[in-house]
């Protein structure tokens, strides 16, 4: 079938819980510092930054999902091995343990 021949995109999804007190600072930093640094690794072809509107019981703060798109698993794995540790450390140095992140890997079907 022709549809089976289409290249499937890999999506690296990072969902973050942010305290309301630092939301504006975090969003600005993500848009102007962190996301550009991730894209500069040239392992991703694009991204989307999304704010979750669903209210989650017992959840404090606000949630965002950042989806980074890559062509294949090799690019993702190279990013994780070579770039992710330093970029995660930089985030931790900026915000400490205030930002909770949950990471998932998705495949477009």
C-alpha atoms as a PDB file:
ATOM      1  CA  UNK A   1       0.000   0.000   0.000  1.00  0.00           C
ATOM      2  CA  UNK A   2       1.321   3.459  -0.905  1.00  0.00           C
ATOM      3  CA  UNK A   3       0.646   4.918   2.561  1.00  0.00           C
ATOM      4  CA  UNK A   4       2.982   2.375   4.143  1.00  0.00           C
ATOM      5  CA  UNK A   5       5.880   3.800   2.127  1.00  0.00           C
ATOM      6  CA  UNK A   6       5.572   7.271   3.644  1.00  0.00           C
ATOM      7  CA  UNK A   7       8.345   8.135   6.091  1.00  0.00           C
ATOM      8  CA  UNK A   8       7.010   8.273   9.637  1.00  0.00           C
ATOM      9  CA  UNK A   9       8.085  11.181  11.778  1.00  0.00           C
ATOM     10  CA  UNK A  10       9.472  10.682  15.283  1.00  0.00           C
ATOM     11  CA  UNK A  11       8.176  13.093  17.930  1.00  0.00           C
ATOM     12  CA  UNK A  12      10.110  13.754  21.116  1.00  0.00           C
ATOM     13  CA  UNK A  13       7.491  15.087  23.542  1.00  0.00           C
ATOM     14  CA  UNK A  14       8.478  16.882  26.746  1.00  0.00           C
ATOM     15  CA  UNK A  15       5.577  17.680  29.077  1.00  0.00           C
ATOM     16  CA  UNK A  16       6.423  20.130  31.854  1.00  0.00           C
ATOM     17  CA  UNK A  17       4.599  21.195  34.993  1.00  0.00           C
ATOM     18  CA  UNK A  18       5.410  24.807  35.842  1.00  0.00           C
ATOM     19  CA  UNK A  19       4.507  26.716  39.021  1.00  0.00           C
ATOM     20  CA  UNK A  20       2.310  29.730  38.253  1.00  0.00           C
ATOM     21  CA  UNK A  21       4.861  32.028  39.923  1.00  0.00           C
ATOM     22  CA  UNK A  22       7.503  31.322  37.248  1.00  0.00           C
ATOM     23  CA  UNK A  23       5.285  30.566  34.236  1.00  0.00           C
ATOM     24  CA  UNK A  24       5.956  33.828  32.366  1.00  0.00           C
ATOM     25  CA  UNK A  25       9.729  33.634  32.932  1.00  0.00           C
ATOM     26  CA  UNK A  26       9.820  29.946  31.935  1.00  0.00           C
ATOM     27  CA  UNK A  27       7.795  30.483  28.732  1.00  0.00           C
ATOM     28  CA  UNK A  28      10.046  33.361  27.705  1.00  0.00           C
ATOM     29  CA  UNK A  29      13.182  31.332  28.427  1.00  0.00           C
ATOM     30  CA  UNK A  30      11.845  28.336  26.503  1.00  0.00           C
ATOM     31  CA  UNK A  31      10.933  30.412  23.449  1.00  0.00           C
ATOM     32  CA  UNK A  32      14.062  32.551  23.368  1.00  0.00           C
ATOM     33  CA  UNK A  33      16.777  30.315  24.815  1.00  0.00           C
ATOM     34  CA  UNK A  34      16.072  26.624  25.315  1.00  0.00           C
ATOM     35  CA  UNK A  35      14.048  25.704  22.221  1.00  0.00           C
ATOM     36  CA  UNK A  36      16.409  27.610  19.888  1.00  0.00           C
ATOM     37  CA  UNK A  37      19.330  25.707  21.452  1.00  0.00           C
ATOM     38  CA  UNK A  38      17.580  22.369  20.912  1.00  0.00           C
ATOM     39  CA  UNK A  39      16.797  23.246  17.283  1.00  0.00           C
ATOM     40  CA  UNK A  40      20.405  24.440  16.779  1.00  0.00           C
ATOM     41  CA  UNK A  41      21.592  20.835  17.346  1.00  0.00           C
ATOM     42  CA  UNK A  42      20.157  20.162  13.858  1.00  0.00           C
ATOM     43  CA  UNK A  43      18.625  16.890  15.105  1.00  0.00           C
ATOM     44  CA  UNK A  44      15.056  18.164  14.820  1.00  0.00           C
ATOM     45  CA  UNK A  45      13.193  19.559  11.842  1.00  0.00           C
ATOM     46  CA  UNK A  46      10.746  21.633  13.863  1.00  0.00           C
ATOM     47  CA  UNK A  47       8.727  21.924  17.048  1.00  0.00           C
ATOM     48  CA  UNK A  48       5.438  22.986  18.608  1.00  0.00           C
ATOM     49  CA  UNK A  49       4.941  24.409  22.069  1.00  0.00           C
ATOM     50  CA  UNK A  50       1.505  23.709  23.501  1.00  0.00           C
ATOM     51  CA  UNK A  51      -0.247  24.722  26.705  1.00  0.00           C
ATOM     52  CA  UNK A  52      -2.501  22.071  28.187  1.00  0.00           C
ATOM     53  CA  UNK A  53      -5.985  23.406  28.834  1.00  0.00           C
ATOM     54  CA  UNK A  54      -7.330  20.307  30.550  1.00  0.00           C
ATOM     55  CA  UNK A  55      -7.574  20.749  34.315  1.00  0.00           C
ATOM     56  CA  UNK A  56      -5.912  17.881  36.137  1.00  0.00           C
ATOM     57  CA  UNK A  57      -7.111  17.065  39.638  1.00  0.00           C
ATOM     58  CA  UNK A  58      -4.499  17.583  42.387  1.00  0.00           C
ATOM     59  CA  UNK A  59      -2.201  19.294  39.870  1.00  0.00           C
ATOM     60  CA  UNK A  60      -0.579  22.526  40.915  1.00  0.00           C
ATOM     61  CA  UNK A  61       0.728  24.972  38.352  1.00  0.00           C
ATOM     62  CA  UNK A  62       0.287  24.807  34.601  1.00  0.00           C
ATOM     63  CA  UNK A  63       1.342  22.199  32.050  1.00  0.00           C
ATOM     64  CA  UNK A  64       3.041  22.627  28.697  1.00  0.00           C
ATOM     65  CA  UNK A  65       4.036  20.106  26.045  1.00  0.00           C
ATOM     66  CA  UNK A  66       6.907  20.772  23.685  1.00  0.00           C
ATOM     67  CA  UNK A  67       7.006  18.476  20.669  1.00  0.00           C
ATOM     68  CA  UNK A  68      10.228  18.235  18.687  1.00  0.00           C
ATOM     69  CA  UNK A  69      10.059  16.540  15.270  1.00  0.00           C
ATOM     70  CA  UNK A  70      12.857  14.425  13.839  1.00  0.00           C
ATOM     71  CA  UNK A  71      13.227  12.322  10.715  1.00  0.00           C
ATOM     72  CA  UNK A  72      14.436   9.120  12.360  1.00  0.00           C
ATOM     73  CA  UNK A  73      15.402   7.384  15.582  1.00  0.00           C
ATOM     74  CA  UNK A  74      19.101   7.869  14.878  1.00  0.00           C
ATOM     75  CA  UNK A  75      18.759  11.656  15.082  1.00  0.00           C
ATOM     76  CA  UNK A  76      16.790  11.366  18.326  1.00  0.00           C
ATOM     77  CA  UNK A  77      19.307   8.951  19.860  1.00  0.00           C
ATOM     78  CA  UNK A  78      22.213  11.191  18.839  1.00  0.00           C
ATOM     79  CA  UNK A  79      20.472  14.178  20.437  1.00  0.00           C
ATOM     80  CA  UNK A  80      19.889  12.233  23.673  1.00  0.00           C
ATOM     81  CA  UNK A  81      23.503  11.032  23.811  1.00  0.00           C
ATOM     82  CA  UNK A  82      25.335  14.197  22.752  1.00  0.00           C
ATOM     83  CA  UNK A  83      23.171  17.196  23.576  1.00  0.00           C
ATOM     84  CA  UNK A  84      20.392  16.405  26.062  1.00  0.00           C
ATOM     85  CA  UNK A  85      22.528  16.082  29.216  1.00  0.00           C
ATOM     86  CA  UNK A  86      24.023  19.584  28.915  1.00  0.00           C
ATOM     87  CA  UNK A  87      20.710  21.188  27.946  1.00  0.00           C
ATOM     88  CA  UNK A  88      18.889  19.489  30.845  1.00  0.00           C
ATOM     89  CA  UNK A  89      21.625  20.647  33.223  1.00  0.00           C
ATOM     90  CA  UNK A  90      21.278  24.213  31.950  1.00  0.00           C
ATOM     91  CA  UNK A  91      17.525  24.047  32.611  1.00  0.00           C
ATOM     92  CA  UNK A  92      18.132  22.704  36.102  1.00  0.00           C
ATOM     93  CA  UNK A  93      20.640  25.467  36.856  1.00  0.00           C
ATOM     94  CA  UNK A  94      18.068  28.062  35.738  1.00  0.00           C
ATOM     95  CA  UNK A  95      14.953  26.696  37.474  1.00  0.00           C
ATOM     96  CA  UNK A  96      16.138  24.020  39.911  1.00  0.00           C
ATOM     97  CA  UNK A  97      13.570  21.384  40.751  1.00  0.00           C
ATOM     98  CA  UNK A  98      10.634  23.768  40.235  1.00  0.00           C
ATOM     99  CA  UNK A  99      10.012  22.391  36.738  1.00  0.00           C
ATOM    100  CA  UNK A 100       8.901  18.780  36.521  1.00  0.00           C
ATOM    101  CA  UNK A 101       9.380  17.173  33.107  1.00  0.00           C
ATOM    102  CA  UNK A 102       7.950  13.955  31.683  1.00  0.00           C
ATOM    103  CA  UNK A 103       9.466  12.794  28.399  1.00  0.00           C
ATOM    104  CA  UNK A 104       7.937  10.448  25.816  1.00  0.00           C
ATOM    105  CA  UNK A 105       8.894   9.305  22.347  1.00  0.00           C
ATOM    106  CA  UNK A 106       6.143   9.026  19.753  1.00  0.00           C
ATOM    107  CA  UNK A 107       5.938   7.782  16.195  1.00  0.00           C
ATOM    108  CA  UNK A 108       3.542   9.221  13.667  1.00  0.00           C
ATOM    109  CA  UNK A 109       1.330   6.477  12.213  1.00  0.00           C
END
